[in-house]
Amino acid sequence: MALDEKVLPSGDVTLARDMDNLAVVYSTQGKYAAAEALFRQALAINEQALGQEDPNVALVADQLAKTLHSLGRDADAKVYEDQAEKIRAKINRDSVPGNQKPQ
């Protein structure tokens, strides 16, 4: 992780992916506070680099929500669950023929 931060630009999606992967490891080990911090960083990078409606943003938001639930912070988790659900709903709407916006 330290090498990534030295080599990659701070807003690089590769850095976000690696943060997300490490956060998953921390979460499975019960290190929820460390996982939360990394999920938040990964989410911020993905939102900036990929946009608010990208599927990767939904994935990280959902993982952050699960981590917050594990910390007993259900109200905080709901914000990220809602964010992920809005993104998934938009993706599903856009995948229906005839629902796409004209280019």
Protein backbone atom coordinates (compact mmCIF):
# COMPACT_ATOMS: atom_id res chain seq x y z
CA MET A 1 0.00 0.00 0.00
CA ALA A 2 2.79 2.42 0.88
CA LEU A 3 4.45 1.70 -2.44
CA ASP A 4 1.19 2.40 -4.29
CA GLU A 5 0.88 5.74 -2.53
CA LYS A 6 4.44 6.67 -3.54
CA VAL A 7 4.18 5.53 -7.16
CA LEU A 8 0.57 6.28 -8.11
CA PRO A 9 -1.11 9.67 -8.26
CA SER A 10 -3.41 10.28 -5.28
CA GLY A 11 -6.57 10.06 -7.42
CA ASP A 12 -5.64 6.93 -9.36
CA VAL A 13 -8.32 4.23 -9.52
CA THR A 14 -5.63 1.56 -9.13
CA LEU A 15 -4.84 3.05 -5.73
CA ALA A 16 -8.57 3.01 -4.91
CA ARG A 17 -8.82 -0.65 -5.96
CA ASP A 18 -5.86 -1.60 -3.77
CA MET A 19 -7.31 0.35 -0.83
CA ASP A 20 -10.62 -1.43 -1.34
CA ASN A 21 -8.91 -4.84 -1.43
CA LEU A 22 -6.96 -4.13 1.74
CA ALA A 23 -10.12 -2.83 3.43
CA VAL A 24 -11.86 -6.12 2.60
CA VAL A 25 -9.00 -8.01 4.26
CA TYR A 26 -9.19 -5.78 7.33
CA SER A 27 -12.94 -6.22 7.49
CA THR A 28 -12.69 -10.02 7.37
CA GLN A 29 -10.13 -9.81 10.19
CA GLY A 30 -12.52 -7.73 12.29
CA LYS A 31 -10.38 -4.59 11.94
CA TYR A 32 -13.41 -2.49 11.11
CA ALA A 33 -12.01 0.93 11.94
CA ALA A 34 -9.05 0.40 9.62
CA ALA A 35 -11.37 -0.98 6.94
CA GLU A 36 -13.69 2.01 7.26
CA ALA A 37 -10.87 4.49 6.70
CA LEU A 38 -9.69 2.68 3.57
CA PHE A 39 -13.21 2.24 2.18
CA ARG A 40 -13.82 5.97 2.65
CA GLN A 41 -10.60 6.83 0.80
CA ALA A 42 -11.38 4.39 -2.00
CA LEU A 43 -14.91 5.75 -2.29
CA ALA A 44 -13.68 9.34 -2.55
CA ILE A 45 -11.14 8.45 -5.22
CA ASN A 46 -13.67 6.45 -7.25
CA GLU A 47 -16.28 9.21 -7.04
CA GLN A 48 -13.75 11.77 -8.24
CA ALA A 49 -12.17 9.63 -10.95
CA LEU A 50 -15.15 7.64 -12.22
CA GLY A 51 -18.16 9.80 -11.36
CA GLN A 52 -20.96 9.51 -8.83
CA GLU A 53 -22.90 6.88 -10.81
CA ASP A 54 -20.19 4.35 -11.56
CA PRO A 55 -20.76 0.71 -10.53
CA ASN A 56 -17.45 0.71 -8.63
CA VAL A 57 -18.74 3.58 -6.50
CA ALA A 58 -21.80 1.48 -5.65
CA LEU A 59 -19.63 -1.50 -4.74
CA VAL A 60 -17.38 0.45 -2.38
CA ALA A 61 -20.35 2.31 -0.85
CA ASP A 62 -22.00 -1.04 -0.16
CA GLN A 63 -18.83 -2.44 1.41
CA LEU A 64 -18.49 0.67 3.57
CA ALA A 65 -22.10 0.27 4.68
CA LYS A 66 -21.48 -3.34 5.74
CA THR A 67 -18.42 -2.27 7.70
CA LEU A 68 -20.39 0.48 9.44
CA HIS A 69 -23.07 -2.07 10.36
CA SER A 70 -20.32 -4.20 11.88
CA LEU A 71 -19.31 -1.21 13.97
CA GLY A 72 -22.91 -0.80 15.13
CA ARG A 73 -23.33 2.44 13.19
CA ASP A 74 -26.52 1.52 11.38
CA ALA A 75 -27.68 5.09 10.69
CA ASP A 76 -24.35 5.92 9.04
CA ALA A 77 -24.51 2.69 7.06
CA LYS A 78 -27.95 3.57 5.69
CA VAL A 79 -26.53 6.61 3.88
CA TYR A 80 -24.12 4.42 1.93
CA GLU A 81 -26.68 1.67 1.34
CA ASP A 82 -28.98 4.28 -0.18
CA GLN A 83 -26.17 5.66 -2.31
CA ALA A 84 -25.34 2.20 -3.66
CA GLU A 85 -29.00 1.38 -4.31
CA LYS A 86 -29.55 4.62 -6.26
CA ILE A 87 -26.58 3.83 -8.47
CA ARG A 88 -27.73 0.24 -9.07
CA ALA A 89 -31.28 1.43 -9.86
CA LYS A 90 -29.96 3.92 -12.40
CA ILE A 91 -27.73 1.30 -14.00
CA ASN A 92 -30.70 -1.08 -14.24
CA ARG A 93 -32.94 1.63 -15.75
CA ASP A 94 -30.26 2.56 -18.27
CA SER A 95 -29.80 -1.07 -19.30
CA VAL A 96 -33.42 -1.33 -20.47
CA PRO A 97 -33.66 -0.67 -24.22
CA GLY A 98 -35.23 2.71 -24.93
CA ASN A 99 -34.29 4.16 -21.54
CA GLN A 100 -30.87 5.43 -22.55
CA LYS A 101 -30.32 9.17 -22.90
CA PRO A 102 -29.53 10.31 -26.44
CA GLN A 103 -25.82 10.92 -27.00
